[in-house]
Structure formats: structure tokens, C-alpha cells
Amino acid sequence: MKSLQFSVPADTNKSIRIQEDIMPNFYPYFHRHTETQIMWILKGHGTLAIEQNLFPFEEGDIFYLGANQSHVFKGDFHAHEKQNVHAVSIFFDPHKKISAFFDLPEFEELKNFIHYSEVGFKVAPELKSEVGESIGALQKTKGIDQIIDFIRILQNLMQNRHLHIPLSSEKNLPSHISDNDQRIIDAQTFIKKNFAQHKLSLDTIAKEACMTPQAFCRSFKKRTGVTFIEYLNELRVQRACRLLTSSSLYSISSVAFNSGFNSLTNFNRVFKSIMKYSPKEYLKHYKEATTDL
């Protein structure tokens, strides 16, 4: 599915842009923009398609979308139902006007949080009300007060980053890492390069990290929050999603094989456990979510 490059209207007198949308439907095209977006949905429900992933959304949900993440919000429509949309978005580019703040030593942790949040996340349910109120209040402020309140919103998101729902399998990384953590990071890089190989094993990865399999499993789970097998399966399913959505030339079995799965049965089971749909169901829902209205 082709993604349109969308240009957010610029205001030369401001470092952030706050946009309130009240309209019949969400913007209907699969698109991306260079700005990071924090979107608070006051009215509307449906499915967010972002890259190759699908996330249901409802009123009150808040999404943090990284720069250049291809996405579209597709509203749910039922017979005799007309959905009206109300959303407030904050757009900012951390590398332009507001970057001077993040370059201050006191803002190093926040700068790292923004960098590692480029994969995007859905704000934790228990924080939606508080963050939503802060976004609503931000609309009413100006000048220095608006920037300070915006930084406080980012700080709140940063302090609760462990609660958010990532829009990708990537995990946020701390700014300072130990030698042991570096081994896991290097192992992740190796896995990313070789995950489609059918014979990739725990022993191979542990040897690459210069660790025993048992020590590697403990360290990997502590570092990433998931097991080695869960991480490997997520990478393989992500590749399968890309293959399924990029061309009609691939059959389900060829997608499975080219994603590193030896068994079609295992592929279907793992795919559904991660994506909540079978491969065929996923492709159907993805096409529905990204088809122009």
C-alpha cells in the first residue's frame, strides 16, 4: 500500500502545532509526515493501521506516532450509523525549532525517550484521562506557558514509558548500558539480520553473545521484556506482514517459508497469537483499513 507524504501546515511563530479536527471522518489516506504526532481521540472508534500493524481505538485513546510512520485511522461504520470524528493533535519536530530544549544537559533523558519512541506507542489506559486533560489544557495556553506545559506532557509520558503499548516490537533503550546489555543489543542486531534463516537456534545466538544459553535467556528477557523465541517470532511475523501486504504474488505457504517458519501449521498458530488474526483474516482487515474511502 503506497503511503502519501503529508505536509503538516507550518506556523513559523511556534515550535509546536496544536490542531483540533471536528469532521465527518478521519483523514482517509495511508500517509506519513516528518513531524512526531500525539493524537487524542475525543470522538470516534475504529482501527489504526500503522506500518504493518493494526490497533483498535476508541474514544479517549491517545497515540504517540513517530516521524515518518505510515499510518491511517479507519473509523468503524455500521448500518444506519454516521460517525463524527473529534480529535486533538500535537505536532512537533524534535530536530528543528524545539531541539534547543532537548540539547540541554537536563533534558538528556527526555531526548533519549523521544529518540527511542520513534516506533510509536499507545498511551497506557490508566494514563489516558490525565494526559487527555493536559492536552486539553495545552490548547488554552500560549507562549512560554504552552511550551512548559508541553514539556510536562512529554515528561509524564517518559516517566510512565514502561506502561505504554508499543506500536512495534522494538523496545525503548536507556541512555547508559552495561557490557552485558551491549551483548544483548549486539545479539538483537544479529537476530534481525538472520531471523529468516530456518536453522537459527538459541545455541547459535548464545554463542554469538559469548554466553551460555541459560545466561543469555535470562539476560535477554531482562533486557527486552520478552523471551528469545517471542522476539524471534515477532520479527518473523513482521516480515510475513510485509510480504502479505506488499504483493499478491506470495502464497501463504511461501510467506511462511520466506519468513523463517518451517511449518505452515506453526506459522498460522504463531501469526494468530501475535496479530490476533489468521494470515488470511489479517490481510482482509488490513486491506479494509487502508483502502481509500
C-alpha atoms as a PDB file:
ATOM      1  CA  MET A   1       0.000   0.000   0.000  1.00  0.00           C
ATOM      2  CA  LYS A   2       1.501   3.309  -1.108  1.00  0.00           C
ATOM      3  CA  SER A   3       1.945   5.881   1.655  1.00  0.00           C
ATOM      4  CA  LEU A   4       1.408   9.571   0.855  1.00  0.00           C
ATOM      5  CA  GLN A   5       3.886  12.131   2.158  1.00  0.00           C
ATOM      6  CA  PHE A   6       1.697  14.559   4.113  1.00  0.00           C
ATOM      7  CA  SER A   7       2.759  18.124   4.917  1.00  0.00           C
ATOM      8  CA  VAL A   8       1.568  19.454   8.269  1.00  0.00           C
ATOM      9  CA  PRO A   9       0.755  23.189   7.944  1.00  0.00           C
ATOM     10  CA  ALA A  10       3.644  25.107   9.485  1.00  0.00           C
ATOM     11  CA  ASP A  11       3.435  28.078  11.828  1.00  0.00           C
ATOM     12  CA  THR A  12       6.705  30.000  11.686  1.00  0.00           C
ATOM     13  CA  ASN A  13       5.976  31.630  15.049  1.00  0.00           C
ATOM     14  CA  LYS A  14       5.585  28.401  17.028  1.00  0.00           C
ATOM     15  CA  SER A  15       7.702  25.380  17.966  1.00  0.00           C
ATOM     16  CA  ILE A  16       4.712  23.069  18.264  1.00  0.00           C
ATOM     17  CA  ARG A  17       1.409  22.948  16.403  1.00  0.00           C
ATOM     18  CA  ILE A  18      -1.879  22.062  18.079  1.00  0.00           C
ATOM     19  CA  GLN A  19      -4.607  21.013  15.677  1.00  0.00           C
ATOM     20  CA  GLU A  20      -8.224  20.251  16.537  1.00  0.00           C
ATOM     21  CA  ASP A  21     -10.234  18.301  13.984  1.00  0.00           C
ATOM     22  CA  ILE A  22     -14.028  18.019  14.042  1.00  0.00           C
ATOM     23  CA  MET A  23     -15.168  16.322  10.850  1.00  0.00           C
ATOM     24  CA  PRO A  24     -17.344  13.502   9.479  1.00  0.00           C
ATOM     25  CA  ASN A  25     -14.490  11.023   9.044  1.00  0.00           C
ATOM     26  CA  PHE A  26     -10.804  10.557   9.742  1.00  0.00           C
ATOM     27  CA  TYR A  27      -8.267  11.536   7.075  1.00  0.00           C
ATOM     28  CA  PRO A  28      -8.801   8.573   4.708  1.00  0.00           C
ATOM     29  CA  TYR A  29      -5.355   8.064   3.142  1.00  0.00           C
ATOM     30  CA  PHE A  30      -2.400   5.970   4.251  1.00  0.00           C
ATOM     31  CA  HIS A  31       0.154   8.722   4.942  1.00  0.00           C
ATOM     32  CA  ARG A  32       3.243   9.854   6.829  1.00  0.00           C
ATOM     33  CA  HIS A  33       4.795  13.167   7.884  1.00  0.00           C
ATOM     34  CA  THR A  34       8.150  14.312   9.202  1.00  0.00           C
ATOM     35  CA  GLU A  35       6.666  15.578  12.458  1.00  0.00           C
ATOM     36  CA  THR A  36       6.038  13.482  15.561  1.00  0.00           C
ATOM     37  CA  GLN A  37       2.320  13.447  16.421  1.00  0.00           C
ATOM     38  CA  ILE A  38       0.491  12.959  19.707  1.00  0.00           C
ATOM     39  CA  MET A  39      -3.178  12.329  18.870  1.00  0.00           C
ATOM     40  CA  TRP A  40      -6.018  12.384  21.420  1.00  0.00           C
ATOM     41  CA  ILE A  41      -9.275  10.904  20.125  1.00  0.00           C
ATOM     42  CA  LEU A  42     -12.274  12.509  21.801  1.00  0.00           C
ATOM     43  CA  LYS A  43     -14.851  11.014  19.454  1.00  0.00           C
ATOM     44  CA  GLY A  44     -14.545   8.132  17.022  1.00  0.00           C
ATOM     45  CA  HIS A  45     -13.664   4.453  17.045  1.00  0.00           C
ATOM     46  CA  GLY A  46     -12.126   2.020  14.600  1.00  0.00           C
ATOM     47  CA  THR A  47      -8.731   0.623  13.631  1.00  0.00           C
ATOM     48  CA  LEU A  48      -5.326   2.265  13.382  1.00  0.00           C
ATOM     49  CA  ALA A  49      -3.164   0.746  10.637  1.00  0.00           C
ATOM     50  CA  ILE A  50       0.455   1.735  11.243  1.00  0.00           C
ATOM     51  CA  GLU A  51       3.214   0.239   9.122  1.00  0.00           C
ATOM     52  CA  GLN A  52       2.042  -3.425   9.011  1.00  0.00           C
ATOM     53  CA  ASN A  53       0.302  -3.432  12.399  1.00  0.00           C
ATOM     54  CA  LEU A  54      -3.352  -2.993  13.366  1.00  0.00           C
ATOM     55  CA  PHE A  55      -4.611  -1.484  16.637  1.00  0.00           C
ATOM     56  CA  PRO A  56      -8.236  -0.926  17.639  1.00  0.00           C
ATOM     57  CA  PHE A  57      -9.028   2.504  19.080  1.00  0.00           C
ATOM     58  CA  GLU A  58     -11.948   4.112  20.867  1.00  0.00           C
ATOM     59  CA  GLU A  59     -12.917   7.425  22.394  1.00  0.00           C
ATOM     60  CA  GLY A  60     -10.307   8.658  24.869  1.00  0.00           C
ATOM     61  CA  ASP A  61      -7.370   6.777  23.352  1.00  0.00           C
ATOM     62  CA  ILE A  62      -4.108   8.630  22.806  1.00  0.00           C
ATOM     63  CA  PHE A  63      -1.407   7.641  20.312  1.00  0.00           C
ATOM     64  CA  TYR A  64       2.200   8.790  20.024  1.00  0.00           C
ATOM     65  CA  LEU A  65       3.208   8.442  16.355  1.00  0.00           C
ATOM     66  CA  GLY A  66       6.863   8.706  15.386  1.00  0.00           C
ATOM     67  CA  ALA A  67       8.126  10.765  12.476  1.00  0.00           C
ATOM     68  CA  ASN A  68       7.522   9.178   9.058  1.00  0.00           C
ATOM     69  CA  GLN A  69       5.481   6.278  10.415  1.00  0.00           C
ATOM     70  CA  SER A  70       2.983   5.376   7.693  1.00  0.00           C
ATOM     71  CA  HIS A  71      -0.499   5.234   9.206  1.00  0.00           C
ATOM     72  CA  VAL A  72      -4.217   5.750   8.756  1.00  0.00           C
ATOM     73  CA  PHE A  73      -7.096   5.883  11.231  1.00  0.00           C
ATOM     74  CA  LYS A  74     -10.047   3.988   9.770  1.00  0.00           C
ATOM     75  CA  GLY A  75     -13.371   4.535  11.525  1.00  0.00           C
ATOM     76  CA  ASP A  76     -15.844   1.725  12.125  1.00  0.00           C
ATOM     77  CA  PHE A  77     -19.091   2.205  10.275  1.00  0.00           C
ATOM     78  CA  HIS A  78     -22.234   0.205  10.875  1.00  0.00           C
ATOM     79  CA  ALA A  79     -25.556   0.271   9.150  1.00  0.00           C
ATOM     80  CA  HIS A  80     -27.556   3.446   9.829  1.00  0.00           C
ATOM     81  CA  GLU A  81     -24.627   4.888  11.823  1.00  0.00           C
ATOM     82  CA  LYS A  82     -22.888   8.127  10.960  1.00  0.00           C
ATOM     83  CA  GLN A  83     -19.596   8.554  12.783  1.00  0.00           C
ATOM     84  CA  ASN A  84     -18.420  12.063  13.573  1.00  0.00           C
ATOM     85  CA  VAL A  85     -14.777  12.499  14.479  1.00  0.00           C
ATOM     86  CA  HIS A  86     -13.270  14.801  17.088  1.00  0.00           C
ATOM     87  CA  ALA A  87      -9.524  14.693  17.719  1.00  0.00           C
ATOM     88  CA  VAL A  88      -6.769  16.953  19.001  1.00  0.00           C
ATOM     89  CA  SER A  89      -3.200  16.504  17.760  1.00  0.00           C
ATOM     90  CA  ILE A  90       0.135  17.956  18.820  1.00  0.00           C
ATOM     91  CA  PHE A  91       2.728  18.077  16.040  1.00  0.00           C
ATOM     92  CA  PHE A  92       6.385  18.780  16.750  1.00  0.00           C
ATOM     93  CA  ASP A  93       9.761  18.135  15.153  1.00  0.00           C
ATOM     94  CA  PRO A  94      12.384  17.420  17.857  1.00  0.00           C
ATOM     95  CA  HIS A  95      15.144  18.156  15.349  1.00  0.00           C
ATOM     96  CA  LYS A  96      14.046  21.691  14.439  1.00  0.00           C
ATOM     97  CA  LYS A  97      12.943  24.704  16.484  1.00  0.00           C
ATOM     98  CA  ILE A  98      12.313  22.931  19.771  1.00  0.00           C
ATOM     99  CA  SER A  99      15.563  20.935  19.547  1.00  0.00           C
ATOM    100  CA  ALA A 100      17.389  23.607  21.598  1.00  0.00           C
ATOM    101  CA  PHE A 101      15.493  22.434  24.675  1.00  0.00           C
ATOM    102  CA  PHE A 102      16.398  18.790  24.167  1.00  0.00           C
ATOM    103  CA  ASP A 103      20.068  19.646  23.709  1.00  0.00           C
ATOM    104  CA  LEU A 104      20.268  20.972  27.271  1.00  0.00           C
ATOM    105  CA  PRO A 105      22.058  18.571  29.692  1.00  0.00           C
ATOM    106  CA  GLU A 106      18.982  18.465  31.945  1.00  0.00           C
ATOM    107  CA  PHE A 107      16.897  17.203  29.026  1.00  0.00           C
ATOM    108  CA  GLU A 108      19.157  14.281  28.068  1.00  0.00           C
ATOM    109  CA  GLU A 109      16.790  11.620  29.425  1.00  0.00           C
ATOM    110  CA  LEU A 110      13.825  13.197  27.629  1.00  0.00           C
ATOM    111  CA  LYS A 111      15.818  13.443  24.397  1.00  0.00           C
ATOM    112  CA  ASN A 112      16.647   9.737  24.628  1.00  0.00           C
ATOM    113  CA  PHE A 113      12.999   8.921  25.316  1.00  0.00           C
ATOM    114  CA  ILE A 114      11.903  10.791  22.188  1.00  0.00           C
ATOM    115  CA  HIS A 115      14.593   9.102  20.116  1.00  0.00           C
ATOM    116  CA  TYR A 116      13.636   5.586  21.199  1.00  0.00           C
ATOM    117  CA  SER A 117       9.908   6.341  20.927  1.00  0.00           C
ATOM    118  CA  GLU A 118      10.125   6.798  17.149  1.00  0.00           C
ATOM    119  CA  VAL A 119       8.479   3.375  16.803  1.00  0.00           C
ATOM    120  CA  GLY A 120       5.387   4.906  18.408  1.00  0.00           C
ATOM    121  CA  PHE A 121       3.147   3.785  21.267  1.00  0.00           C
ATOM    122  CA  LYS A 122      -0.412   3.809  22.525  1.00  0.00           C
ATOM    123  CA  VAL A 123      -0.664   5.648  25.838  1.00  0.00           C
ATOM    124  CA  ALA A 124      -1.411   3.326  28.751  1.00  0.00           C
ATOM    125  CA  PRO A 125      -5.158   3.104  29.574  1.00  0.00           C
ATOM    126  CA  GLU A 126      -4.591   4.239  33.163  1.00  0.00           C
ATOM    127  CA  LEU A 127      -2.984   7.474  31.910  1.00  0.00           C
ATOM    128  CA  LYS A 128      -5.478   8.420  29.188  1.00  0.00           C
ATOM    129  CA  SER A 129      -7.659  10.667  31.354  1.00  0.00           C
ATOM    130  CA  GLU A 130      -4.734  12.562  32.892  1.00  0.00           C
ATOM    131  CA  VAL A 131      -2.847  13.044  29.623  1.00  0.00           C
ATOM    132  CA  GLY A 132      -6.052  13.957  27.792  1.00  0.00           C
ATOM    133  CA  GLU A 133      -6.801  16.687  30.328  1.00  0.00           C
ATOM    134  CA  SER A 134      -3.260  18.013  29.907  1.00  0.00           C
ATOM    135  CA  ILE A 135      -3.656  18.142  26.118  1.00  0.00           C
ATOM    136  CA  GLY A 136      -6.989  19.947  26.518  1.00  0.00           C
ATOM    137  CA  ALA A 137      -5.378  22.495  28.857  1.00  0.00           C
ATOM    138  CA  LEU A 138      -2.488  22.937  26.423  1.00  0.00           C
ATOM    139  CA  GLN A 139      -4.921  24.275  23.811  1.00  0.00           C
ATOM    140  CA  LYS A 140      -5.725  27.209  26.076  1.00  0.00           C
ATOM    141  CA  THR A 141      -2.146  28.344  26.800  1.00  0.00           C
ATOM    142  CA  LYS A 142       0.261  30.386  24.727  1.00  0.00           C
ATOM    143  CA  GLY A 143       3.900  31.326  24.512  1.00  0.00           C
ATOM    144  CA  ILE A 144       6.259  30.147  27.244  1.00  0.00           C
ATOM    145  CA  ASP A 145       3.443  28.594  29.296  1.00  0.00           C
ATOM    146  CA  GLN A 146       2.451  26.407  26.340  1.00  0.00           C
ATOM    147  CA  ILE A 147       5.996  25.119  25.841  1.00  0.00           C
ATOM    148  CA  ILE A 148       6.404  24.392  29.564  1.00  0.00           C
ATOM    149  CA  ASP A 149       3.081  22.532  29.686  1.00  0.00           C
ATOM    150  CA  PHE A 150       4.059  20.581  26.552  1.00  0.00           C
ATOM    151  CA  ILE A 151       7.356  19.528  28.142  1.00  0.00           C
ATOM    152  CA  ARG A 152       5.416  18.359  31.184  1.00  0.00           C
ATOM    153  CA  ILE A 153       3.231  16.165  28.976  1.00  0.00           C
ATOM    154  CA  LEU A 154       6.360  14.601  27.468  1.00  0.00           C
ATOM    155  CA  GLN A 155       7.843  14.161  30.939  1.00  0.00           C
ATOM    156  CA  ASN A 156       4.706  12.366  32.126  1.00  0.00           C
ATOM    157  CA  LEU A 157       4.821  10.050  29.119  1.00  0.00           C
ATOM    158  CA  MET A 158       8.522   9.411  29.728  1.00  0.00           C
ATOM    159  CA  GLN A 159       8.122   8.637  33.413  1.00  0.00           C
ATOM    160  CA  ASN A 160       5.429   6.072  32.606  1.00  0.00           C
ATOM    161  CA  ARG A 161       7.051   4.632  29.461  1.00  0.00           C
ATOM    162  CA  HIS A 162       7.011   1.107  30.895  1.00  0.00           C
ATOM    163  CA  LEU A 163       3.185   1.183  30.843  1.00  0.00           C
ATOM    164  CA  HIS A 164       2.634   2.198  27.216  1.00  0.00           C
ATOM    165  CA  ILE A 165       1.712  -0.213  24.439  1.00  0.00           C
ATOM    166  CA  PRO A 166       4.391  -0.140  21.696  1.00  0.00           C
ATOM    167  CA  LEU A 167       3.244   0.100  18.082  1.00  0.00           C
ATOM    168  CA  SER A 168       6.251  -2.011  17.105  1.00  0.00           C
ATOM    169  CA  SER A 169       8.189  -4.864  18.699  1.00  0.00           C
ATOM    170  CA  GLU A 170      11.127  -2.523  19.318  1.00  0.00           C
ATOM    171  CA  LYS A 171      11.732  -1.640  22.963  1.00  0.00           C
ATOM    172  CA  ASN A 172      12.850   1.650  24.468  1.00  0.00           C
ATOM    173  CA  LEU A 173      16.508   1.666  25.450  1.00  0.00           C
ATOM    174  CA  PRO A 174      18.156   3.506  28.340  1.00  0.00           C
ATOM    175  CA  SER A 175      20.855   6.060  27.628  1.00  0.00           C
ATOM    176  CA  HIS A 176      23.565   4.186  29.564  1.00  0.00           C
ATOM    177  CA  ILE A 177      24.162   0.470  29.087  1.00  0.00           C
ATOM    178  CA  SER A 178      26.355  -2.162  30.691  1.00  0.00           C
ATOM    179  CA  ASP A 179      28.685  -4.572  28.897  1.00  0.00           C
ATOM    180  CA  ASN A 180      26.144  -7.339  29.421  1.00  0.00           C
ATOM    181  CA  ASP A 181      23.398  -5.209  27.899  1.00  0.00           C
ATOM    182  CA  GLN A 182      25.641  -4.394  24.955  1.00  0.00           C
ATOM    183  CA  ARG A 183      25.996  -8.119  24.274  1.00  0.00           C
ATOM    184  CA  ILE A 184      22.215  -8.422  24.133  1.00  0.00           C
ATOM    185  CA  ILE A 185      21.960  -5.396  21.821  1.00  0.00           C
ATOM    186  CA  ASP A 186      24.575  -6.958  19.527  1.00  0.00           C
ATOM    187  CA  ALA A 187      22.685 -10.252  19.656  1.00  0.00           C
ATOM    188  CA  GLN A 188      19.478  -8.442  18.680  1.00  0.00           C
ATOM    189  CA  THR A 189      21.282  -6.953  15.685  1.00  0.00           C
ATOM    190  CA  PHE A 190      22.481 -10.427  14.696  1.00  0.00           C
ATOM    191  CA  ILE A 191      18.955 -11.845  15.068  1.00  0.00           C
ATOM    192  CA  LYS A 192      17.496  -9.053  12.920  1.00  0.00           C
ATOM    193  CA  LYS A 193      19.940  -9.889  10.144  1.00  0.00           C
ATOM    194  CA  ASN A 194      19.388 -13.649  10.300  1.00  0.00           C
ATOM    195  CA  PHE A 195      15.876 -14.287  11.648  1.00  0.00           C
ATOM    196  CA  ALA A 196      14.610 -15.634   8.303  1.00  0.00           C
ATOM    197  CA  GLN A 197      17.122 -18.488   8.431  1.00  0.00           C
ATOM    198  CA  HIS A 198      15.318 -21.692   9.358  1.00  0.00           C
ATOM    199  CA  LYS A 199      18.224 -23.104  11.352  1.00  0.00           C
ATOM    200  CA  LEU A 200      18.738 -20.083  13.608  1.00  0.00           C
ATOM    201  CA  SER A 201      18.922 -21.534  17.122  1.00  0.00           C
ATOM    202  CA  LEU A 202      19.308 -20.442  20.722  1.00  0.00           C
ATOM    203  CA  ASP A 203      22.730 -22.086  20.875  1.00  0.00           C
ATOM    204  CA  THR A 204      23.895 -20.085  17.859  1.00  0.00           C
ATOM    205  CA  ILE A 205      22.716 -16.780  19.306  1.00  0.00           C
ATOM    206  CA  ALA A 206      24.117 -17.508  22.765  1.00  0.00           C
ATOM    207  CA  LYS A 207      27.486 -18.335  21.217  1.00  0.00           C
ATOM    208  CA  GLU A 208      27.362 -15.085  19.258  1.00  0.00           C
ATOM    209  CA  ALA A 209      26.829 -13.235  22.556  1.00  0.00           C
ATOM    210  CA  CYS A 210      29.626 -15.217  24.279  1.00  0.00           C
ATOM    211  CA  MET A 211      27.165 -16.501  26.880  1.00  0.00           C
ATOM    212  CA  THR A 212      25.674 -19.814  27.890  1.00  0.00           C
ATOM    213  CA  PRO A 213      22.146 -20.426  26.592  1.00  0.00           C
ATOM    214  CA  GLN A 214      20.746 -20.186  30.114  1.00  0.00           C
ATOM    215  CA  ALA A 215      22.529 -16.896  30.891  1.00  0.00           C
ATOM    216  CA  PHE A 216      21.557 -15.476  27.519  1.00  0.00           C
ATOM    217  CA  CYS A 217      17.872 -16.291  28.037  1.00  0.00           C
ATOM    218  CA  ARG A 218      17.859 -14.609  31.456  1.00  0.00           C
ATOM    219  CA  SER A 219      19.674 -11.516  30.206  1.00  0.00           C
ATOM    220  CA  PHE A 220      17.610 -11.286  27.023  1.00  0.00           C
ATOM    221  CA  LYS A 221      14.300 -11.423  28.907  1.00  0.00           C
ATOM    222  CA  LYS A 222      15.509  -8.859  31.464  1.00  0.00           C
ATOM    223  CA  ARG A 223      16.732  -6.526  28.724  1.00  0.00           C
ATOM    224  CA  THR A 224      13.877  -6.750  26.221  1.00  0.00           C
ATOM    225  CA  GLY A 225      10.902  -7.842  28.301  1.00  0.00           C
ATOM    226  CA  VAL A 226      10.280 -10.850  26.039  1.00  0.00           C
ATOM    227  CA  THR A 227      11.879 -14.264  25.582  1.00  0.00           C
ATOM    228  CA  PHE A 228      14.242 -15.047  22.719  1.00  0.00           C
ATOM    229  CA  ILE A 229      11.552 -17.147  20.999  1.00  0.00           C
ATOM    230  CA  GLU A 230       8.937 -14.404  21.403  1.00  0.00           C
ATOM    231  CA  TYR A 231      11.337 -11.850  19.916  1.00  0.00           C
ATOM    232  CA  LEU A 232      12.253 -14.134  17.027  1.00  0.00           C
ATOM    233  CA  ASN A 233       8.610 -14.899  16.288  1.00  0.00           C
ATOM    234  CA  GLU A 234       7.708 -11.194  16.332  1.00  0.00           C
ATOM    235  CA  LEU A 235      10.406 -10.427  13.752  1.00  0.00           C
ATOM    236  CA  ARG A 236       9.266 -13.298  11.551  1.00  0.00           C
ATOM    237  CA  VAL A 237       5.620 -12.291  11.782  1.00  0.00           C
ATOM    238  CA  GLN A 238       6.516  -8.673  10.983  1.00  0.00           C
ATOM    239  CA  ARG A 239       8.278  -9.867   7.831  1.00  0.00           C
ATOM    240  CA  ALA A 240       5.280 -12.042   6.998  1.00  0.00           C
ATOM    241  CA  CYS A 241       3.022  -8.984   7.321  1.00  0.00           C
ATOM    242  CA  ARG A 242       5.231  -7.019   4.936  1.00  0.00           C
ATOM    243  CA  LEU A 243       5.188  -9.838   2.392  1.00  0.00           C
ATOM    244  CA  LEU A 244       1.448 -10.311   2.669  1.00  0.00           C
ATOM    245  CA  THR A 245       0.702  -6.621   2.156  1.00  0.00           C
ATOM    246  CA  SER A 246       3.365  -5.788  -0.437  1.00  0.00           C
ATOM    247  CA  SER A 247       2.418  -8.210  -3.198  1.00  0.00           C
ATOM    248  CA  SER A 248      -0.286 -10.625  -4.245  1.00  0.00           C
ATOM    249  CA  LEU A 249       2.390 -12.901  -5.719  1.00  0.00           C
ATOM    250  CA  TYR A 250       3.115 -14.598  -2.402  1.00  0.00           C
ATOM    251  CA  SER A 251       1.028 -17.539  -1.259  1.00  0.00           C
ATOM    252  CA  ILE A 252       0.534 -18.119   2.468  1.00  0.00           C
ATOM    253  CA  SER A 253       2.963 -21.050   2.393  1.00  0.00           C
ATOM    254  CA  SER A 254       5.672 -19.065   0.568  1.00  0.00           C
ATOM    255  CA  VAL A 255       5.252 -16.181   3.024  1.00  0.00           C
ATOM    256  CA  ALA A 256       5.719 -18.631   5.886  1.00  0.00           C
ATOM    257  CA  PHE A 257       8.848 -20.152   4.338  1.00  0.00           C
ATOM    258  CA  ASN A 258      10.408 -16.787   3.456  1.00  0.00           C
ATOM    259  CA  SER A 259       9.785 -15.514   6.972  1.00  0.00           C
ATOM    260  CA  GLY A 260      11.745 -18.333   8.627  1.00  0.00           C
ATOM    261  CA  PHE A 261       8.974 -20.804   9.503  1.00  0.00           C
ATOM    262  CA  ASN A 262       9.471 -24.496   8.675  1.00  0.00           C
ATOM    263  CA  SER A 263       5.842 -25.449   9.180  1.00  0.00           C
ATOM    264  CA  LEU A 264       2.701 -23.826   7.788  1.00  0.00           C
ATOM    265  CA  THR A 265       0.767 -25.058  10.824  1.00  0.00           C
ATOM    266  CA  ASN A 266       3.248 -23.434  13.200  1.00  0.00           C
ATOM    267  CA  PHE A 267       3.226 -20.247  11.114  1.00  0.00           C
ATOM    268  CA  ASN A 268      -0.562 -19.958  11.308  1.00  0.00           C
ATOM    269  CA  ARG A 269      -0.528 -20.594  15.053  1.00  0.00           C
ATOM    270  CA  VAL A 270       2.252 -18.091  15.813  1.00  0.00           C
ATOM    271  CA  PHE A 271       0.835 -15.464  13.444  1.00  0.00           C
ATOM    272  CA  LYS A 272      -2.603 -15.593  15.074  1.00  0.00           C
ATOM    273  CA  SER A 273      -1.153 -15.498  18.593  1.00  0.00           C
ATOM    274  CA  ILE A 274       0.681 -12.244  17.773  1.00  0.00           C
ATOM    275  CA  MET A 275      -1.652 -10.495  15.319  1.00  0.00           C
ATOM    276  CA  LYS A 276      -4.965 -11.833  16.725  1.00  0.00           C
ATOM    277  CA  TYR A 277      -5.966 -12.814  13.189  1.00  0.00           C
ATOM    278  CA  SER A 278      -5.050 -15.662  10.887  1.00  0.00           C
ATOM    279  CA  PRO A 279      -2.887 -14.569   7.893  1.00  0.00           C
ATOM    280  CA  LYS A 280      -5.940 -14.507   5.609  1.00  0.00           C
ATOM    281  CA  GLU A 281      -8.041 -12.594   8.145  1.00  0.00           C
ATOM    282  CA  TYR A 282      -5.193 -10.138   8.746  1.00  0.00           C
ATOM    283  CA  LEU A 283      -4.799  -9.390   5.039  1.00  0.00           C
ATOM    284  CA  LYS A 284      -8.556  -8.841   4.700  1.00  0.00           C
ATOM    285  CA  HIS A 285      -8.669  -6.425   7.663  1.00  0.00           C
ATOM    286  CA  TYR A 286      -5.514  -4.641   6.501  1.00  0.00           C
ATOM    287  CA  LYS A 287      -6.958  -4.015   3.034  1.00  0.00           C
ATOM    288  CA  GLU A 288     -10.188  -2.744   4.571  1.00  0.00           C
ATOM    289  CA  ALA A 289      -8.291  -0.395   6.892  1.00  0.00           C
ATOM    290  CA  THR A 290      -6.015   1.046   4.199  1.00  0.00           C
ATOM    291  CA  THR A 291      -8.426   1.256   1.286  1.00  0.00           C
ATOM    292  CA  ASP A 292      -9.247   4.846   0.397  1.00  0.00           C
ATOM    293  CA  LEU A 293     -12.719   5.865   1.411  1.00  0.00           C
END
